[in-house]
PDB file of N, CA and C in Angstrom:
ATOM      1  N   MET A   1      21.783  20.127 -21.798  1.00  0.00           N
ATOM      2  CA  MET A   1      21.851  19.626 -20.448  1.00  0.00           C
ATOM      3  C   MET A   1      20.416  19.531 -19.901  1.00  0.00           C
ATOM      4  N   SER A   2      20.068  18.377 -19.331  1.00  0.00           N
ATOM      5  CA  SER A   2      18.697  18.160 -18.876  1.00  0.00           C
ATOM      6  C   SER A   2      18.437  18.899 -17.564  1.00  0.00           C
ATOM      7  N   ARG A   3      17.163  19.114 -17.295  1.00  0.00           N
ATOM      8  CA  ARG A   3      16.792  19.800 -16.055  1.00  0.00           C
ATOM      9  C   ARG A   3      17.081  18.925 -14.839  1.00  0.00           C
ATOM     10  N   SER A   4      17.032  17.617 -15.018  1.00  0.00           N
ATOM     11  CA  SER A   4      17.347  16.720 -13.902  1.00  0.00           C
ATOM     12  C   SER A   4      18.811  16.844 -13.502  1.00  0.00           C
ATOM     13  N   SER A   5      19.696  16.883 -14.489  1.00  0.00           N
ATOM     14  CA  SER A   5      21.115  16.996 -14.171  1.00  0.00           C
ATOM     15  C   SER A   5      21.449  18.383 -13.629  1.00  0.00           C
ATOM     16  N   ARG A   6      20.751  19.414 -14.102  1.00  0.00           N
ATOM     17  CA  ARG A   6      20.969  20.755 -13.556  1.00  0.00           C
ATOM     18  C   ARG A   6      20.521  20.840 -12.106  1.00  0.00           C
ATOM     19  N   ALA A   7      19.452  20.136 -11.778  1.00  0.00           N
ATOM     20  CA  ALA A   7      18.961  20.149 -10.404  1.00  0.00           C
ATOM     21  C   ALA A   7      19.723  19.177  -9.516  1.00  0.00           C
ATOM     22  N   GLY A   8      20.475  18.264 -10.113  1.00  0.00           N
ATOM     23  CA  GLY A   8      21.248  17.295  -9.335  1.00  0.00           C
ATOM     24  C   GLY A   8      20.414  16.153  -8.790  1.00  0.00           C
ATOM     25  N   ILE A   9      19.352  15.788  -9.501  1.00  0.00           N
ATOM     26  CA  ILE A   9      18.503  14.680  -9.074  1.00  0.00           C
ATOM     27  C   ILE A   9      18.412  13.667 -10.201  1.00  0.00           C
ATOM     28  N   THR A  10      17.935  12.470  -9.874  1.00  0.00           N
ATOM     29  CA  THR A  10      17.853  11.418 -10.887  1.00  0.00           C
ATOM     30  C   THR A  10      16.449  11.236 -11.436  1.00  0.00           C
ATOM     31  N   PHE A  11      15.439  11.718 -10.724  1.00  0.00           N
ATOM     32  CA  PHE A  11      14.076  11.580 -11.235  1.00  0.00           C
ATOM     33  C   PHE A  11      13.878  12.511 -12.435  1.00  0.00           C
ATOM     34  N   PRO A  12      13.085  12.106 -13.423  1.00  0.00           N
ATOM     35  CA  PRO A  12      12.958  12.877 -14.671  1.00  0.00           C
ATOM     36  C   PRO A  12      12.068  14.123 -14.505  1.00  0.00           C
ATOM     37  N   VAL A  13      12.711  15.292 -14.514  1.00  0.00           N
ATOM     38  CA  VAL A  13      11.978  16.549 -14.347  1.00  0.00           C
ATOM     39  C   VAL A  13      11.104  16.828 -15.565  1.00  0.00           C
ATOM     40  N   GLY A  14      11.617  16.558 -16.761  1.00  0.00           N
ATOM     41  CA  GLY A  14      10.845  16.811 -17.976  1.00  0.00           C
ATOM     42  C   GLY A  14       9.582  15.975 -18.054  1.00  0.00           C
ATOM     43  N   ARG A  15       9.682  14.729 -17.698  1.00  0.00           N
ATOM     44  CA  ARG A  15       8.515  13.840 -17.730  1.00  0.00           C
ATOM     45  C   ARG A  15       7.478  14.269 -16.695  1.00  0.00           C
ATOM     46  N   ILE A  16       7.936  14.641 -15.514  1.00  0.00           N
ATOM     47  CA  ILE A  16       7.012  15.088 -14.478  1.00  0.00           C
ATOM     48  C   ILE A  16       6.338  16.387 -14.901  1.00  0.00           C
ATOM     49  N   HIS A  17       7.089  17.289 -15.542  1.00  0.00           N
ATOM     50  CA  HIS A  17       6.508  18.539 -16.028  1.00  0.00           C
ATOM     51  C   HIS A  17       5.438  18.265 -17.091  1.00  0.00           C
ATOM     52  N   ARG A  18       5.741  17.333 -17.988  1.00  0.00           N
ATOM     53  CA  ARG A  18       4.767  16.983 -19.032  1.00  0.00           C
ATOM     54  C   ARG A  18       3.507  16.386 -18.422  1.00  0.00           C
ATOM     55  N   LEU A  19       3.650  15.513 -17.438  1.00  0.00           N
ATOM     56  CA  LEU A  19       2.490  14.887 -16.804  1.00  0.00           C
ATOM     57  C   LEU A  19       1.685  15.888 -15.968  1.00  0.00           C
ATOM     58  N   LEU A  20       2.365  16.864 -15.375  1.00  0.00           N
ATOM     59  CA  LEU A  20       1.648  17.904 -14.645  1.00  0.00           C
ATOM     60  C   LEU A  20       0.814  18.765 -15.593  1.00  0.00           C
ATOM     61  N   LYS A  21       1.387  19.076 -16.755  1.00  0.00           N
ATOM     62  CA  LYS A  21       0.628  19.859 -17.738  1.00  0.00           C
ATOM     63  C   LYS A  21      -0.536  19.055 -18.301  1.00  0.00           C
ATOM     64  N   LYS A  22      -0.282  17.776 -18.582  1.00  0.00           N
ATOM     65  CA  LYS A  22      -1.297  16.909 -19.173  1.00  0.00           C
ATOM     66  C   LYS A  22      -2.448  16.630 -18.206  1.00  0.00           C
ATOM     67  N   GLY A  23      -2.177  16.642 -16.909  1.00  0.00           N
ATOM     68  CA  GLY A  23      -3.195  16.331 -15.916  1.00  0.00           C
ATOM     69  C   GLY A  23      -4.140  17.467 -15.620  1.00  0.00           C
ATOM     70  N   HIS A  24      -3.829  18.681 -16.082  1.00  0.00           N
ATOM     71  CA  HIS A  24      -4.663  19.865 -15.844  1.00  0.00           C
ATOM     72  C   HIS A  24      -4.942  20.067 -14.357  1.00  0.00           C
ATOM     73  N   TYR A  25      -3.884  20.005 -13.538  1.00  0.00           N
ATOM     74  CA  TYR A  25      -4.027  20.225 -12.104  1.00  0.00           C
ATOM     75  C   TYR A  25      -4.192  21.712 -11.799  1.00  0.00           C
ATOM     76  N   ALA A  26      -3.698  22.564 -12.690  1.00  0.00           N
ATOM     77  CA  ALA A  26      -3.840  24.012 -12.545  1.00  0.00           C
ATOM     78  C   ALA A  26      -3.810  24.624 -13.934  1.00  0.00           C
ATOM     79  N   GLU A  27      -4.326  25.859 -14.042  1.00  0.00           N
ATOM     80  CA  GLU A  27      -4.305  26.533 -15.344  1.00  0.00           C
ATOM     81  C   GLU A  27      -2.890  26.873 -15.760  1.00  0.00           C
ATOM     82  N   ARG A  28      -2.107  27.329 -14.798  1.00  0.00           N
ATOM     83  CA  ARG A  28      -0.727  27.709 -15.081  1.00  0.00           C
ATOM     84  C   ARG A  28       0.211  26.869 -14.229  1.00  0.00           C
ATOM     85  N   LEU A  29       1.404  26.630 -14.762  1.00  0.00           N
ATOM     86  CA  LEU A  29       2.370  25.766 -14.095  1.00  0.00           C
ATOM     87  C   LEU A  29       3.737  26.423 -14.156  1.00  0.00           C
ATOM     88  N   GLY A  30       4.330  26.670 -12.997  1.00  0.00           N
ATOM     89  CA  GLY A  30       5.648  27.283 -12.946  1.00  0.00           C
ATOM     90  C   GLY A  30       6.736  26.312 -13.359  1.00  0.00           C
ATOM     91  N   THR A  31       7.891  26.856 -13.705  1.00  0.00           N
ATOM     92  CA  THR A  31       8.996  26.001 -14.158  1.00  0.00           C
ATOM     93  C   THR A  31       9.616  25.215 -13.007  1.00  0.00           C
ATOM     94  N   GLY A  32       9.552  25.774 -11.801  1.00  0.00           N
ATOM     95  CA  GLY A  32      10.168  25.097 -10.664  1.00  0.00           C
ATOM     96  C   GLY A  32       9.290  24.041 -10.031  1.00  0.00           C
ATOM     97  N   ALA A  33       8.031  23.968 -10.440  1.00  0.00           N
ATOM     98  CA  ALA A  33       7.116  23.010  -9.819  1.00  0.00           C
ATOM     99  C   ALA A  33       7.542  21.572 -10.098  1.00  0.00           C
ATOM    100  N   ALA A  34       7.921  21.301 -11.327  1.00  0.00           N
ATOM    101  CA  ALA A  34       8.328  19.939 -11.685  1.00  0.00           C
ATOM    102  C   ALA A  34       9.633  19.557 -11.003  1.00  0.00           C
ATOM    103  N   VAL A  35      10.542  20.521 -10.871  1.00  0.00           N
ATOM    104  CA  VAL A  35      11.820  20.247 -10.202  1.00  0.00           C
ATOM    105  C   VAL A  35      11.575  19.928  -8.728  1.00  0.00           C
ATOM    106  N   TYR A  36      10.721  20.717  -8.106  1.00  0.00           N
ATOM    107  CA  TYR A  36      10.413  20.519  -6.691  1.00  0.00           C
ATOM    108  C   TYR A  36       9.733  19.172  -6.464  1.00  0.00           C
ATOM    109  N   LEU A  37       8.743  18.852  -7.301  1.00  0.00           N
ATOM    110  CA  LEU A  37       8.031  17.581  -7.156  1.00  0.00           C
ATOM    111  C   LEU A  37       8.954  16.397  -7.403  1.00  0.00           C
ATOM    112  N   ALA A  38       9.837  16.502  -8.383  1.00  0.00           N
ATOM    113  CA  ALA A  38      10.783  15.417  -8.661  1.00  0.00           C
ATOM    114  C   ALA A  38      11.736  15.212  -7.487  1.00  0.00           C
ATOM    115  N   ALA A  39      12.184  16.302  -6.871  1.00  0.00           N
ATOM    116  CA  ALA A  39      13.089  16.190  -5.730  1.00  0.00           C
ATOM    117  C   ALA A  39      12.386  15.556  -4.532  1.00  0.00           C
ATOM    118  N   VAL A  40      11.125  15.921  -4.299  1.00  0.00           N
ATOM    119  CA  VAL A  40      10.370  15.344  -3.181  1.00  0.00           C
ATOM    120  C   VAL A  40      10.134  13.856  -3.415  1.00  0.00           C
ATOM    121  N   LEU A  41       9.759  13.489  -4.629  1.00  0.00           N
ATOM    122  CA  LEU A  41       9.525  12.076  -4.937  1.00  0.00           C
ATOM    123  C   LEU A  41      10.810  11.258  -4.813  1.00  0.00           C
ATOM    124  N   GLU A  42      11.918  11.828  -5.245  1.00  0.00           N
ATOM    125  CA  GLU A  42      13.195  11.121  -5.139  1.00  0.00           C
ATOM    126  C   GLU A  42      13.580  10.924  -3.671  1.00  0.00           C
ATOM    127  N   TYR A  43      13.341  11.938  -2.850  1.00  0.00           N
ATOM    128  CA  TYR A  43      13.659  11.815  -1.427  1.00  0.00           C
ATOM    129  C   TYR A  43      12.794  10.741  -0.762  1.00  0.00           C
ATOM    130  N   LEU A  44      11.489  10.735  -1.065  1.00  0.00           N
ATOM    131  CA  LEU A  44      10.602   9.733  -0.469  1.00  0.00           C
ATOM    132  C   LEU A  44      11.000   8.321  -0.888  1.00  0.00           C
ATOM    133  N   CYS A  45      11.331   8.144  -2.157  1.00  0.00           N
ATOM    134  CA  CYS A  45      11.753   6.810  -2.626  1.00  0.00           C
ATOM    135  C   CYS A  45      13.039   6.373  -1.952  1.00  0.00           C
ATOM    136  N   ALA A  46      13.992   7.290  -1.814  1.00  0.00           N
ATOM    137  CA  ALA A  46      15.259   6.940  -1.165  1.00  0.00           C
ATOM    138  C   ALA A  46      15.038   6.571   0.292  1.00  0.00           C
ATOM    139  N   GLU A  47      14.165   7.300   0.975  1.00  0.00           N
ATOM    140  CA  GLU A  47      13.890   7.028   2.386  1.00  0.00           C
ATOM    141  C   GLU A  47      13.235   5.658   2.565  1.00  0.00           C
ATOM    142  N   ILE A  48      12.227   5.372   1.747  1.00  0.00           N
ATOM    143  CA  ILE A  48      11.522   4.088   1.856  1.00  0.00           C
ATOM    144  C   ILE A  48      12.444   2.936   1.489  1.00  0.00           C
ATOM    145  N   LEU A  49      13.242   3.100   0.443  1.00  0.00           N
ATOM    146  CA  LEU A  49      14.146   2.022   0.032  1.00  0.00           C
ATOM    147  C   LEU A  49      15.244   1.779   1.061  1.00  0.00           C
ATOM    148  N   GLU A  50      15.703   2.831   1.727  1.00  0.00           N
ATOM    149  CA  GLU A  50      16.717   2.633   2.761  1.00  0.00           C
ATOM    150  C   GLU A  50      16.145   1.837   3.931  1.00  0.00           C
ATOM    151  N   LEU A  51      14.952   2.207   4.376  1.00  0.00           N
ATOM    152  CA  LEU A  51      14.333   1.485   5.496  1.00  0.00           C
ATOM    153  C   LEU A  51      13.964   0.054   5.108  1.00  0.00           C
ATOM    154  N   ALA A  52      13.504  -0.136   3.872  1.00  0.00           N
ATOM    155  CA  ALA A  52      13.174  -1.496   3.415  1.00  0.00           C
ATOM    156  C   ALA A  52      14.433  -2.342   3.276  1.00  0.00           C
ATOM    157  N   GLY A  53      15.528  -1.739   2.858  1.00  0.00           N
ATOM    158  CA  GLY A  53      16.798  -2.470   2.792  1.00  0.00           C
ATOM    159  C   GLY A  53      17.270  -2.904   4.165  1.00  0.00           C
ATOM    160  N   ASN A  54      17.080  -2.025   5.153  1.00  0.00           N
ATOM    161  CA  ASN A  54      17.430  -2.401   6.531  1.00  0.00           C
ATOM    162  C   ASN A  54      16.547  -3.546   7.027  1.00  0.00           C
ATOM    163  N   ALA A  55      15.255  -3.498   6.664  1.00  0.00           N
ATOM    164  CA  ALA A  55      14.346  -4.578   7.076  1.00  0.00           C
ATOM    165  C   ALA A  55      14.708  -5.892   6.409  1.00  0.00           C
ATOM    166  N   SER A  56      15.108  -5.844   5.147  1.00  0.00           N
ATOM    167  CA  SER A  56      15.500  -7.088   4.466  1.00  0.00           C
ATOM    168  C   SER A  56      16.799  -7.636   5.038  1.00  0.00           C
ATOM    169  N   ARG A  57      17.712  -6.758   5.413  1.00  0.00           N
ATOM    170  CA  ARG A  57      18.967  -7.200   6.018  1.00  0.00           C
ATOM    171  C   ARG A  57      18.704  -7.821   7.386  1.00  0.00           C
ATOM    172  N   THR A  58      17.732  -7.279   8.120  1.00  0.00           N
ATOM    173  CA  THR A  58      17.368  -7.844   9.414  1.00  0.00           C
ATOM    174  C   THR A  58      16.806  -9.255   9.258  1.00  0.00           C
ATOM    175  N   ASN A  59      16.043  -9.473   8.189  1.00  0.00           N
ATOM    176  CA  ASN A  59      15.475 -10.796   7.919  1.00  0.00           C
ATOM    177  C   ASN A  59      16.428 -11.700   7.139  1.00  0.00           C
ATOM    178  N   LYS A  60      17.669 -11.271   6.969  1.00  0.00           N
ATOM    179  CA  LYS A  60      18.727 -12.040   6.301  1.00  0.00           C
ATOM    180  C   LYS A  60      18.359 -12.389   4.853  1.00  0.00           C
ATOM    181  N   LYS A  61      17.788 -11.410   4.149  1.00  0.00           N
ATOM    182  CA  LYS A  61      17.445 -11.568   2.737  1.00  0.00           C
ATOM    183  C   LYS A  61      18.245 -10.569   1.918  1.00  0.00           C
ATOM    184  N   LEU A  62      18.501 -10.919   0.674  1.00  0.00           N
ATOM    185  CA  LEU A  62      19.262 -10.034  -0.200  1.00  0.00           C
ATOM    186  C   LEU A  62      18.363  -9.145  -1.045  1.00  0.00           C
ATOM    187  N   ARG A  63      17.128  -9.543  -1.253  1.00  0.00           N
ATOM    188  CA  ARG A  63      16.202  -8.774  -2.069  1.00  0.00           C
ATOM    189  C   ARG A  63      15.141  -8.121  -1.193  1.00  0.00           C
ATOM    190  N   ILE A  64      14.687  -6.956  -1.653  1.00  0.00           N
ATOM    191  CA  ILE A  64      13.612  -6.264  -0.949  1.00  0.00           C
ATOM    192  C   ILE A  64      12.285  -6.810  -1.465  1.00  0.00           C
ATOM    193  N   ALA A  65      11.502  -7.368  -0.573  1.00  0.00           N
ATOM    194  CA  ALA A  65      10.194  -7.932  -0.901  1.00  0.00           C
ATOM    195  C   ALA A  65       9.114  -6.938  -0.448  1.00  0.00           C
ATOM    196  N   PRO A  66       7.877  -7.118  -0.916  1.00  0.00           N
ATOM    197  CA  PRO A  66       6.795  -6.245  -0.429  1.00  0.00           C
ATOM    198  C   PRO A  66       6.629  -6.280   1.087  1.00  0.00           C
ATOM    199  N   ARG A  67       6.942  -7.390   1.695  1.00  0.00           N
ATOM    200  CA  ARG A  67       6.882  -7.499   3.154  1.00  0.00           C
ATOM    201  C   ARG A  67       7.841  -6.503   3.817  1.00  0.00           C
ATOM    202  N   HIS A  68       9.031  -6.351   3.233  1.00  0.00           N
ATOM    203  CA  HIS A  68      10.014  -5.423   3.785  1.00  0.00           C
ATOM    204  C   HIS A  68       9.565  -3.970   3.607  1.00  0.00           C
ATOM    205  N   LEU A  69       8.897  -3.694   2.492  1.00  0.00           N
ATOM    206  CA  LEU A  69       8.351  -2.342   2.290  1.00  0.00           C
ATOM    207  C   LEU A  69       7.298  -2.029   3.347  1.00  0.00           C
ATOM    208  N   LEU A  70       6.415  -3.000   3.611  1.00  0.00           N
ATOM    209  CA  LEU A  70       5.380  -2.800   4.618  1.00  0.00           C
ATOM    210  C   LEU A  70       5.987  -2.585   5.996  1.00  0.00           C
ATOM    211  N   LEU A  71       6.975  -3.394   6.352  1.00  0.00           N
ATOM    212  CA  LEU A  71       7.612  -3.241   7.664  1.00  0.00           C
ATOM    213  C   LEU A  71       8.302  -1.891   7.776  1.00  0.00           C
ATOM    214  N   ALA A  72       8.912  -1.434   6.693  1.00  0.00           N
ATOM    215  CA  ALA A  72       9.593  -0.145   6.710  1.00  0.00           C
ATOM    216  C   ALA A  72       8.609   0.997   6.901  1.00  0.00           C
ATOM    217  N   VAL A  73       7.489   0.943   6.195  1.00  0.00           N
ATOM    218  CA  VAL A  73       6.511   2.025   6.269  1.00  0.00           C
ATOM    219  C   VAL A  73       5.813   2.025   7.622  1.00  0.00           C
ATOM    220  N   LYS A  74       5.408   0.867   8.113  1.00  0.00           N
ATOM    221  CA  LYS A  74       4.631   0.807   9.347  1.00  0.00           C
ATOM    222  C   LYS A  74       5.470   1.067  10.598  1.00  0.00           C
ATOM    223  N   ASN A  75       6.767   0.806  10.546  1.00  0.00           N
ATOM    224  CA  ASN A  75       7.612   1.035  11.713  1.00  0.00           C
ATOM    225  C   ASN A  75       8.126   2.468  11.792  1.00  0.00           C
ATOM    226  N   ASP A  76       7.984   3.251  10.721  1.00  0.00           N
ATOM    227  CA  ASP A  76       8.379   4.650  10.731  1.00  0.00           C
ATOM    228  C   ASP A  76       7.136   5.504  10.975  1.00  0.00           C
ATOM    229  N   GLU A  77       7.200   6.381  11.958  1.00  0.00           N
ATOM    230  CA  GLU A  77       6.020   7.136  12.371  1.00  0.00           C
ATOM    231  C   GLU A  77       5.533   8.086  11.282  1.00  0.00           C
ATOM    232  N   GLU A  78       6.448   8.816  10.653  1.00  0.00           N
ATOM    233  CA  GLU A  78       6.046   9.802   9.642  1.00  0.00           C
ATOM    234  C   GLU A  78       5.549   9.133   8.365  1.00  0.00           C
ATOM    235  N   LEU A  79       6.228   8.080   7.927  1.00  0.00           N
ATOM    236  CA  LEU A  79       5.777   7.375   6.724  1.00  0.00           C
ATOM    237  C   LEU A  79       4.450   6.676   6.977  1.00  0.00           C
ATOM    238  N   ASN A  80       4.231   6.221   8.194  1.00  0.00           N
ATOM    239  CA  ASN A  80       2.977   5.556   8.531  1.00  0.00           C
ATOM    240  C   ASN A  80       1.804   6.531   8.428  1.00  0.00           C
ATOM    241  N   THR A  81       2.002   7.766   8.871  1.00  0.00           N
ATOM    242  CA  THR A  81       0.927   8.750   8.757  1.00  0.00           C
ATOM    243  C   THR A  81       0.734   9.180   7.311  1.00  0.00           C
ATOM    244  N   LEU A  82       1.813   9.261   6.534  1.00  0.00           N
ATOM    245  CA  LEU A  82       1.699   9.646   5.128  1.00  0.00           C
ATOM    246  C   LEU A  82       0.971   8.577   4.316  1.00  0.00           C
ATOM    247  N   LEU A  83       1.278   7.318   4.581  1.00  0.00           N
ATOM    248  CA  LEU A  83       0.702   6.201   3.830  1.00  0.00           C
ATOM    249  C   LEU A  83      -0.307   5.437   4.691  1.00  0.00           C
ATOM    250  N   ALA A  84      -1.131   6.157   5.435  1.00  0.00           N
ATOM    251  CA  ALA A  84      -2.058   5.517   6.369  1.00  0.00           C
ATOM    252  C   ALA A  84      -3.126   4.712   5.641  1.00  0.00           C
ATOM    253  N   GLY A  85      -3.641   5.202   4.516  1.00  0.00           N
ATOM    254  CA  GLY A  85      -4.713   4.512   3.823  1.00  0.00           C
ATOM    255  C   GLY A  85      -4.245   3.621   2.702  1.00  0.00           C
ATOM    256  N   VAL A  86      -2.965   3.309   2.641  1.00  0.00           N
ATOM    257  CA  VAL A  86      -2.387   2.542   1.536  1.00  0.00           C
ATOM    258  C   VAL A  86      -2.279   1.073   1.933  1.00  0.00           C
ATOM    259  N   THR A  87      -2.707   0.204   1.031  1.00  0.00           N
ATOM    260  CA  THR A  87      -2.545  -1.231   1.231  1.00  0.00           C
ATOM    261  C   THR A  87      -1.440  -1.721   0.311  1.00  0.00           C
ATOM    262  N   ILE A  88      -0.424  -2.357   0.874  1.00  0.00           N
ATOM    263  CA  ILE A  88       0.685  -2.894   0.090  1.00  0.00           C
ATOM    264  C   ILE A  88       0.369  -4.357  -0.202  1.00  0.00           C
ATOM    265  N   SER A  89       0.247  -4.688  -1.469  1.00  0.00           N
ATOM    266  CA  SER A  89      -0.093  -6.047  -1.873  1.00  0.00           C
ATOM    267  C   SER A  89       1.021  -7.007  -1.482  1.00  0.00           C
ATOM    268  N   GLU A  90       0.659  -8.174  -0.974  1.00  0.00           N
ATOM    269  CA  GLU A  90       1.584  -9.217  -0.514  1.00  0.00           C
ATOM    270  C   GLU A  90       2.461  -8.753   0.650  1.00  0.00           C
ATOM    271  N   GLY A  91       2.025  -7.714   1.351  1.00  0.00           N
ATOM    272  CA  GLY A  91       2.820  -7.182   2.450  1.00  0.00           C
ATOM    273  C   GLY A  91       2.593  -7.889   3.766  1.00  0.00           C
ATOM    274  N   GLY A  92       1.400  -8.428   3.972  1.00  0.00           N
ATOM    275  CA  GLY A  92       1.091  -9.086   5.236  1.00  0.00           C
ATOM    276  C   GLY A  92       0.641  -8.076   6.271  1.00  0.00           C
ATOM    277  N   VAL A  93       0.795  -8.417   7.532  1.00  0.00           N
ATOM    278  CA  VAL A  93       0.396  -7.550   8.635  1.00  0.00           C
ATOM    279  C   VAL A  93       1.568  -7.398   9.600  1.00  0.00           C
ATOM    280  N   ILE A  94       1.463  -6.404  10.440  1.00  0.00           N
ATOM    281  CA  ILE A  94       2.476  -6.194  11.470  1.00  0.00           C
ATOM    282  C   ILE A  94       2.225  -7.186  12.605  1.00  0.00           C
ATOM    283  N   PRO A  95       3.248  -7.907  13.055  1.00  0.00           N
ATOM    284  CA  PRO A  95       3.041  -8.860  14.149  1.00  0.00           C
ATOM    285  C   PRO A  95       2.659  -8.138  15.433  1.00  0.00           C
ATOM    286  N   ASN A  96       1.519  -8.524  15.998  1.00  0.00           N
ATOM    287  CA  ASN A  96       1.026  -7.879  17.215  1.00  0.00           C
ATOM    288  C   ASN A  96       0.097  -8.847  17.936  1.00  0.00           C
ATOM    289  N   ILE A  97       0.364  -9.079  19.216  1.00  0.00           N
ATOM    290  CA  ILE A  97      -0.507  -9.893  20.056  1.00  0.00           C
ATOM    291  C   ILE A  97      -0.962  -9.009  21.201  1.00  0.00           C
ATOM    292  N   GLN A  98      -2.278  -8.889  21.370  1.00  0.00           N
ATOM    293  CA  GLN A  98      -2.793  -8.052  22.440  1.00  0.00           C
ATOM    294  C   GLN A  98      -2.494  -8.682  23.797  1.00  0.00           C
ATOM    295  N   ALA A  99      -2.269  -7.815  24.767  1.00  0.00           N
ATOM    296  CA  ALA A  99      -1.863  -8.287  26.098  1.00  0.00           C
ATOM    297  C   ALA A  99      -2.935  -9.138  26.763  1.00  0.00           C
ATOM    298  N   ALA A 100      -4.192  -8.899  26.441  1.00  0.00           N
ATOM    299  CA  ALA A 100      -5.269  -9.670  27.068  1.00  0.00           C
ATOM    300  C   ALA A 100      -5.298 -11.111  26.569  1.00  0.00           C
ATOM    301  N   LEU A 101      -4.728 -11.369  25.419  1.00  0.00           N
ATOM    302  CA  LEU A 101      -4.746 -12.721  24.858  1.00  0.00           C
ATOM    303  C   LEU A 101      -3.576 -13.580  25.317  1.00  0.00           C
ATOM    304  N   ILE A 102      -2.571 -12.981  25.921  1.00  0.00           N
ATOM    305  CA  ILE A 102      -1.412 -13.738  26.392  1.00  0.00           C
ATOM    306  C   ILE A 102      -1.774 -14.411  27.709  1.00  0.00           C
ATOM    307  N   PRO A 103      -1.564 -15.729  27.828  1.00  0.00           N
ATOM    308  CA  PRO A 103      -1.926 -16.413  29.080  1.00  0.00           C
ATOM    309  C   PRO A 103      -1.032 -15.952  30.233  1.00  0.00           C
ATOM    310  N   LYS A 104      -1.652 -15.863  31.416  1.00  0.00           N
ATOM    311  CA  LYS A 104      -0.919 -15.426  32.594  1.00  0.00           C
ATOM    312  C   LYS A 104      -0.181 -16.611  33.191  1.00  0.00           C
ATOM    313  N   ARG A 105       1.022 -16.349  33.670  1.00  0.00           N
ATOM    314  CA  ARG A 105       1.796 -17.407  34.323  1.00  0.00           C
ATOM    315  C   ARG A 105       1.399 -17.486  35.788  1.00  0.00           C
ATOM    316  N   THR A 106       1.288 -18.712  36.259  1.00  0.00           N
ATOM    317  CA  THR A 106       1.003 -18.907  37.684  1.00  0.00           C
ATOM    318  C   THR A 106       2.306 -19.216  38.393  1.00  0.00           C
ATOM    319  N   LYS A 107       2.410 -18.756  39.615  1.00  0.00           N
ATOM    320  CA  LYS A 107       3.635 -18.999  40.381  1.00  0.00           C
ATOM    321  C   LYS A 107       3.624 -20.417  40.927  1.00  0.00           C
ATOM    322  N   ALA A 108       4.728 -21.116  40.714  1.00  0.00           N
ATOM    323  CA  ALA A 108       4.858 -22.481  41.215  1.00  0.00           C
ATOM    324  C   ALA A 108       5.270 -22.433  42.683  1.00  0.00           C
ATOM    325  N   PRO A 109       4.862 -23.431  43.454  1.00  0.00           N
ATOM    326  CA  PRO A 109       5.300 -23.480  44.860  1.00  0.00           C
ATOM    327  C   PRO A 109       6.813 -23.617  44.932  1.00  0.00           C
ATOM    328  N   LYS A 110       7.419 -22.926  45.893  1.00  0.00           N
ATOM    329  CA  LYS A 110       8.878 -22.906  45.980  1.00  0.00           C
ATOM    330  C   LYS A 110       9.456 -24.178  46.598  1.00  0.00           C
ATOM    331  N   ASP A 111       8.674 -24.856  47.440  1.00  0.00           N
ATOM    332  CA  ASP A 111       9.218 -26.024  48.127  1.00  0.00           C
ATOM    333  C   ASP A 111       9.110 -27.307  47.298  1.00  0.00           C
ATOM    334  N   ASP A 112       8.236 -27.367  46.310  1.00  0.00           N
ATOM    335  CA  ASP A 112       8.043 -28.587  45.524  1.00  0.00           C
ATOM    336  C   ASP A 112       8.910 -28.509  44.271  1.00  0.00           C
ATOM    337  N   SER A 113       9.941 -29.347  44.160  1.00  0.00           N
ATOM    338  CA  SER A 113      10.866 -29.295  43.028  1.00  0.00           C
ATOM    339  C   SER A 113      10.353 -30.081  41.818  1.00  0.00           C
ATOM    340  N   SER A 114       9.389 -31.000  41.998  1.00  0.00           N
ATOM    341  CA  SER A 114       8.895 -31.791  40.875  1.00  0.00           C
ATOM    342  C   SER A 114       8.004 -30.967  39.951  1.00  0.00           C
ATOM    343  N   THR A 115       7.307 -29.974  40.466  1.00  0.00           N
ATOM    344  CA  THR A 115       6.433 -29.139  39.633  1.00  0.00           C
ATOM    345  C   THR A 115       7.161 -27.903  39.116  1.00  0.00           C
ATOM    346  N   LYS A 116       8.445 -27.815  39.362  1.00  0.00           N
ATOM    347  CA  LYS A 116       9.214 -26.648  38.936  1.00  0.00           C
ATOM    348  C   LYS A 116       9.338 -26.568  37.409  1.00  0.00           C
ATOM    349  N   ASP A 117       9.462 -27.694  36.728  1.00  0.00           N
ATOM    350  CA  ASP A 117       9.661 -27.719  35.280  1.00  0.00           C
ATOM    351  C   ASP A 117       8.374 -27.547  34.503  1.00  0.00           C
ATOM    352  N   VAL A 118       7.219 -27.747  35.126  1.00  0.00           N
ATOM    353  CA  VAL A 118       5.934 -27.704  34.416  1.00  0.00           C
ATOM    354  C   VAL A 118       5.315 -26.327  34.591  1.00  0.00           C
ATOM    355  N   GLN A 119       4.953 -25.698  33.466  1.00  0.00           N
ATOM    356  CA  GLN A 119       4.260 -24.408  33.494  1.00  0.00           C
ATOM    357  C   GLN A 119       2.796 -24.647  33.163  1.00  0.00           C
ATOM    358  N   SER A 120       1.901 -24.081  33.937  1.00  0.00           N
ATOM    359  CA  SER A 120       0.481 -24.249  33.654  1.00  0.00           C
ATOM    360  C   SER A 120      -0.039 -23.029  32.949  1.00  0.00           C
ATOM    361  N   GLN A 121      -1.101 -23.234  32.170  1.00  0.00           N
ATOM    362  CA  GLN A 121      -1.718 -22.143  31.446  1.00  0.00           C
ATOM    363  C   GLN A 121      -3.163 -22.039  31.877  1.00  0.00           C
ATOM    364  N   GLU A 122      -3.621 -20.790  32.029  1.00  0.00           N
ATOM    365  CA  GLU A 122      -5.019 -20.559  32.325  1.00  0.00           C
ATOM    366  C   GLU A 122      -5.683 -19.983  31.083  1.00  0.00           C
ATOM    367  N   PHE A 123      -6.863 -20.474  30.779  1.00  0.00           N
ATOM    368  CA  PHE A 123      -7.573 -19.979  29.602  1.00  0.00           C
ATOM    369  C   PHE A 123      -8.796 -19.214  30.021  1.00  0.00           C
TER     370      PHE A 123
END
């Protein structure tokens, strides 16, 4: 019986344990370290995929694209702080227009009905 099935997770505990030993991150490595790391990685992947799936459903798409991953990460406060320095390839940017760049509306005179349909813009 594998350690992944004993722990009740799908991420490979044995492979993570082997990579932890091979990476020489510490002189000694406990048996529970790989199980714990696999569980944390599985939770993070499930969280990101759930939010990205919601973003793709909002955009009426069936597949999760890198754009949906970016929207999921940037719209979640905790994931945004965790992945603050990460660039997602083909993700694009978050839509944002600064308030100073939006043109101000001018009030139309109330008695003149011909200028009611025309909106003017100030630059």
